[in-house]
Amino acid sequence: MMIEIVLGCGENKNSLLASEIANENNDLHVKLAYNDEELVAAMTNNEIDAVIRGSLKSSNILKNIRDLYSDKAIYRVSYIKNEIGGKEYEFLLAPVGIDEGISLDEKLDITTKAIDFMLRLGKNPKIAILAGGRKEDLGRSCDINKSIKDSEDLTKKVNELIANSRKYQDKDITLKNYYILIEKAIKENNNIIIAPDGIYGNIIFRTLVLVNSWHSYGAIALGIDKIFIDTSRDQSIEGYLRSINFAYELAKERKKVE
């Protein structure tokens, strides 16, 4: 069962070196796309199992992919792993696109898609909702008030969705509003962390992954059938290999179902 993956290759040639290492796997073939057009074209090619942005610039690619799937809401959710206290900890972080998660409805949609993704992986979703302050910080500014209220409204809406949706019956799903206490959300091993918006999420991602060297496997695009993984164009060889392996495992599981 050969897995076909297309990986973008821009100025950062670490993606090229990662593809050469990945192609040592006998049931994996990684082909390089050297421009936006080649990468986006791979999204409509049924012979391609997964597409990874690699080191190509994101702006035009993401716009063209959204145009390609104009009837769908697409959100990127980062898959991050790290070792804490000798134990492996993995979680989804969303939203991470700076233009995503602006409205309450968007955050509800992102959270729902993250729950569904975790269930498909055979994991019990444990969700942490974040805000721009503690509950007792209400009144300190209009922005803080809105962030806290949005987090409480989102928690309420997600709880209602879990309770009333037939597809979540008999599923072990937990949810808690941690407000600004992301350190507590991580310590308590939540595997879905919902930031107040995409700007917060992007900063959290950069702090954990690019500053503190937590392992990122890329941001999986939820809302479409095609496996698309967004990556930083500044990643290391190891970082691109993690994204390739992530796409490879997802594609293998999908082919088993098919």
Protein backbone atom coordinates (compact mmCIF):
# COMPACT_ATOMS: atom_id res chain seq x y z
CA MET A 1 0.00 0.00 0.00
CA MET A 2 1.96 2.98 -1.33
CA ILE A 3 1.25 6.38 0.24
CA GLU A 4 1.72 9.34 -2.11
CA ILE A 5 2.50 12.71 -0.51
CA VAL A 6 3.25 16.09 -2.12
CA LEU A 7 5.52 18.40 -0.12
CA GLY A 8 6.17 22.08 -0.88
CA CYS A 9 9.79 23.13 -1.35
CA GLY A 10 10.69 26.83 -1.18
CA GLU A 11 13.79 28.73 -0.10
CA ASN A 12 14.25 26.57 3.00
CA LYS A 13 15.72 23.36 1.56
CA ASN A 14 15.16 21.43 4.79
CA SER A 15 11.93 20.21 3.16
CA LEU A 16 13.97 18.77 0.27
CA LEU A 17 16.33 16.99 2.67
CA ALA A 18 13.38 15.68 4.70
CA SER A 19 11.77 14.25 1.55
CA GLU A 20 14.97 12.38 0.69
CA ILE A 21 15.03 10.76 4.14
CA ALA A 22 11.30 9.96 4.05
CA ASN A 23 11.60 8.27 0.65
CA GLU A 24 13.75 5.58 2.25
CA ASN A 25 10.42 4.16 3.46
CA ASN A 26 9.42 1.49 0.93
CA ASP A 27 5.68 2.24 1.06
CA LEU A 28 5.98 6.04 0.96
CA HIS A 29 6.68 8.34 -1.97
CA VAL A 30 7.18 12.06 -1.33
CA LYS A 31 7.08 14.27 -4.40
CA LEU A 32 8.16 17.92 -4.24
CA ALA A 33 6.12 20.90 -5.42
CA TYR A 34 8.27 23.96 -6.15
CA ASN A 35 5.49 26.54 -6.48
CA ASP A 36 1.96 27.32 -5.30
CA GLU A 37 0.29 26.08 -8.47
CA GLU A 38 1.84 22.60 -8.22
CA LEU A 39 0.92 22.26 -4.56
CA VAL A 40 -2.70 23.41 -5.00
CA ALA A 41 -3.11 21.16 -8.06
CA ALA A 42 -2.16 18.18 -5.87
CA MET A 43 -5.23 18.90 -3.73
CA THR A 44 -7.51 17.79 -6.60
CA ASN A 45 -5.40 14.80 -7.65
CA ASN A 46 -7.05 11.62 -6.37
CA GLU A 47 -3.76 9.72 -6.66
CA ILE A 48 -2.23 11.98 -3.98
CA ASP A 49 -3.03 10.89 -0.43
CA ALA A 50 -1.81 13.98 1.41
CA VAL A 51 -0.42 17.46 0.74
CA ILE A 52 2.02 19.34 3.02
CA ARG A 53 2.85 23.05 2.57
CA GLY A 54 6.46 22.50 3.53
CA SER A 55 8.63 25.58 3.02
CA LEU A 56 6.44 27.40 0.50
CA LYS A 57 4.92 30.73 1.60
CA SER A 58 1.42 30.37 3.04
CA SER A 59 -0.65 33.37 1.95
CA ASN A 60 -1.49 32.47 -1.66
CA ILE A 61 -1.63 28.73 -0.98
CA LEU A 62 -4.18 29.02 1.81
CA LYS A 63 -6.26 31.50 -0.19
CA ASN A 64 -6.28 29.21 -3.23
CA ILE A 65 -7.18 26.15 -1.15
CA ARG A 66 -10.05 28.06 0.46
CA ASP A 67 -11.21 29.13 -3.02
CA LEU A 68 -11.00 25.50 -4.13
CA TYR A 69 -13.26 24.47 -1.23
CA SER A 70 -15.35 27.64 -1.15
CA ASP A 71 -18.39 25.72 0.12
CA LYS A 72 -16.56 24.53 3.25
CA ALA A 73 -15.21 26.18 6.40
CA ILE A 74 -11.53 25.21 6.73
CA TYR A 75 -9.59 25.64 9.97
CA ARG A 76 -6.01 24.74 10.84
CA VAL A 77 -5.39 22.86 14.08
CA SER A 78 -1.80 22.33 15.28
CA TYR A 79 -0.83 18.87 16.51
CA ILE A 80 1.88 19.20 19.18
CA LYS A 81 3.75 16.64 21.29
CA ASN A 82 6.13 16.98 24.21
CA GLU A 83 7.42 14.96 27.13
CA ILE A 84 6.33 16.20 30.56
CA GLY A 85 7.49 14.45 33.71
CA GLY A 86 8.72 11.48 31.71
CA LYS A 87 5.35 10.99 29.99
CA GLU A 88 4.39 11.84 26.41
CA TYR A 89 1.80 14.60 26.13
CA GLU A 90 0.02 15.39 22.86
CA PHE A 91 -2.69 17.88 22.05
CA LEU A 92 -4.45 19.88 19.36
CA LEU A 93 -4.10 23.67 19.55
CA ALA A 94 -6.62 25.89 17.76
CA PRO A 95 -7.21 28.36 16.28
CA VAL A 96 -3.68 29.06 15.02
CA GLY A 97 -4.37 31.04 11.83
CA ILE A 98 -4.27 34.74 12.76
CA ASP A 99 -7.49 35.31 10.81
CA GLU A 100 -9.34 32.34 12.35
CA GLY A 101 -11.52 31.98 15.45
CA ILE A 102 -12.67 35.58 15.41
CA SER A 103 -16.34 34.91 16.11
CA LEU A 104 -18.00 32.66 18.68
CA ASP A 105 -19.57 30.59 15.90
CA GLU A 106 -16.16 30.02 14.32
CA LYS A 107 -14.69 28.85 17.62
CA LEU A 108 -17.65 26.51 18.13
CA ASP A 109 -17.11 25.07 14.65
CA ILE A 110 -13.36 24.67 15.27
CA THR A 111 -13.98 22.96 18.61
CA THR A 112 -16.51 20.56 17.08
CA LYS A 113 -14.14 19.64 14.25
CA ALA A 114 -11.30 19.10 16.76
CA ILE A 115 -13.54 16.79 18.83
CA ASP A 116 -14.46 14.78 15.73
CA PHE A 117 -10.80 14.51 14.70
CA MET A 118 -9.76 13.20 18.12
CA LEU A 119 -12.59 10.65 18.07
CA ARG A 120 -11.44 9.44 14.63
CA LEU A 121 -7.98 8.89 16.14
CA GLY A 122 -9.60 6.74 18.82
CA LYS A 123 -8.87 9.22 21.63
CA ASN A 124 -11.20 10.64 24.28
CA PRO A 125 -11.47 14.42 23.74
CA LYS A 126 -10.51 16.45 26.81
CA ILE A 127 -11.14 20.11 25.98
CA ALA A 128 -9.71 23.24 27.60
CA ILE A 129 -11.26 26.61 26.72
CA LEU A 130 -9.00 29.64 27.25
CA ALA A 131 -9.68 33.35 27.76
CA GLY A 132 -7.70 36.59 28.04
CA GLY A 133 -7.98 36.75 31.83
CA ARG A 134 -9.16 35.04 34.99
CA LYS A 135 -12.86 35.07 35.84
CA GLU A 136 -12.20 37.68 38.55
CA ASP A 137 -10.55 39.97 35.96
CA LEU A 138 -13.96 41.07 34.66
CA GLY A 139 -14.12 44.86 34.58
CA ARG A 140 -10.43 45.50 33.90
CA SER A 141 -11.02 46.40 30.24
CA CYS A 142 -13.59 45.96 27.47
CA ASP A 143 -11.33 43.51 25.61
CA ILE A 144 -10.81 41.37 28.72
CA ASN A 145 -14.55 41.42 29.45
CA LYS A 146 -15.34 40.24 25.92
CA SER A 147 -12.72 37.48 25.99
CA ILE A 148 -13.96 36.13 29.33
CA LYS A 149 -17.61 36.29 28.26
CA ASP A 150 -16.81 34.59 24.93
CA SER A 151 -15.01 31.76 26.75
CA GLU A 152 -18.01 31.22 29.02
CA ASP A 153 -20.46 31.36 26.11
CA LEU A 154 -18.32 28.91 24.13
CA THR A 155 -18.11 26.51 27.08
CA LYS A 156 -21.89 26.62 27.41
CA LYS A 157 -22.49 26.05 23.68
CA VAL A 158 -20.03 23.14 23.46
CA ASN A 159 -21.57 21.52 26.54
CA GLU A 160 -25.03 21.82 24.97
CA LEU A 161 -23.75 20.35 21.69
CA ILE A 162 -22.16 17.37 23.44
CA ALA A 163 -25.32 16.73 25.48
CA ASN A 164 -27.75 17.05 22.58
CA SER A 165 -25.88 15.53 19.61
CA ARG A 166 -26.59 11.88 18.89
CA LYS A 167 -23.08 11.29 17.50
CA TYR A 168 -21.56 12.14 20.88
CA GLN A 169 -23.77 9.82 22.91
CA ASP A 170 -21.74 7.27 24.88
CA LYS A 171 -18.51 9.17 24.08
CA ASP A 172 -16.12 10.11 26.88
CA ILE A 173 -15.79 13.87 26.29
CA THR A 174 -14.81 16.34 29.00
CA LEU A 175 -14.77 20.13 28.88
CA LYS A 176 -13.55 22.89 31.20
CA ASN A 177 -13.05 26.65 31.02
CA TYR A 178 -9.51 27.39 32.25
CA TYR A 179 -9.76 31.12 31.45
CA ILE A 180 -6.13 32.35 31.15
CA LEU A 181 -4.56 29.42 33.01
CA ILE A 182 -3.00 27.55 30.07
CA GLU A 183 -0.35 26.06 32.37
CA LYS A 184 -3.10 24.31 34.36
CA ALA A 185 -4.80 23.11 31.16
CA ILE A 186 -1.52 21.51 30.06
CA LYS A 187 -0.75 20.09 33.51
CA GLU A 188 -4.16 18.38 33.54
CA ASN A 189 -3.43 16.74 30.16
CA ASN A 190 -6.14 18.30 28.02
CA ASN A 191 -5.75 17.10 24.44
CA ILE A 192 -7.70 19.94 22.81
CA ILE A 193 -6.80 23.52 23.74
CA ILE A 194 -8.97 26.30 22.31
CA ALA A 195 -7.29 29.72 22.36
CA PRO A 196 -9.32 32.96 22.57
CA ASP A 197 -8.61 33.61 18.87
CA GLY A 198 -6.08 32.82 16.16
CA ILE A 199 -3.64 35.53 17.22
CA TYR A 200 -3.45 34.11 20.75
CA GLY A 201 -3.17 30.61 19.30
CA ASN A 202 -0.38 31.58 16.92
CA ILE A 203 1.60 33.18 19.76
CA ILE A 204 1.10 30.10 21.97
CA PHE A 205 2.29 27.90 19.09
CA ARG A 206 5.40 30.00 18.46
CA THR A 207 6.25 30.11 22.17
CA LEU A 208 5.94 26.37 22.67
CA VAL A 209 7.37 25.15 19.35
CA LEU A 210 9.78 27.78 18.05
CA VAL A 211 11.06 29.04 21.42
CA ASN A 212 10.76 26.02 23.72
CA SER A 213 11.29 23.31 21.06
CA TRP A 214 8.08 21.36 21.67
CA HIS A 215 7.51 19.03 18.72
CA SER A 216 5.04 20.26 16.11
CA TYR A 217 3.64 17.82 13.57
CA GLY A 218 2.09 20.64 11.56
CA ALA A 219 -1.42 22.04 11.46
CA ILE A 220 -4.00 19.67 10.00
CA ALA A 221 -6.75 21.36 7.96
CA LEU A 222 -10.13 20.34 9.34
CA GLY A 223 -13.32 20.68 7.32
CA ILE A 224 -12.16 18.99 4.08
CA ASP A 225 -11.70 15.36 3.07
CA LYS A 226 -8.21 15.83 1.61
CA ILE A 227 -5.36 15.54 4.11
CA PHE A 228 -3.61 18.92 4.10
CA ILE A 229 -0.99 19.82 6.67
CA ASP A 230 0.21 23.39 7.06
CA THR A 231 3.78 23.87 8.27
CA SER A 232 6.12 26.72 9.13
CA ARG A 233 8.44 27.61 6.25
CA ASP A 234 11.23 27.92 8.85
CA GLN A 235 11.06 24.33 10.12
CA SER A 236 14.03 22.04 10.67
CA ILE A 237 14.57 18.79 8.77
CA GLU A 238 13.21 16.93 11.82
CA GLY A 239 10.15 19.19 11.87
CA TYR A 240 9.29 18.44 8.25
CA LEU A 241 9.88 14.73 8.86
CA ARG A 242 7.38 14.82 11.73
CA SER A 243 4.79 16.39 9.40
CA ILE A 244 5.49 13.79 6.71
CA ASN A 245 5.12 10.96 9.23
CA PHE A 246 1.90 12.51 10.56
CA ALA A 247 0.44 12.69 7.05
CA TYR A 248 1.67 9.15 6.35
CA GLU A 249 -0.08 7.71 9.43
CA LEU A 250 -3.31 9.61 8.72
CA ALA A 251 -3.31 8.42 5.10
CA LYS A 252 -2.69 4.80 6.13
CA GLU A 253 -5.61 4.89 8.56
CA ARG A 254 -7.85 6.40 5.89
CA LYS A 255 -6.94 3.72 3.36
CA LYS A 256 -7.79 1.03 5.91
CA VAL A 257 -11.29 2.49 6.24
CA GLU A 258 -11.72 2.77 2.47
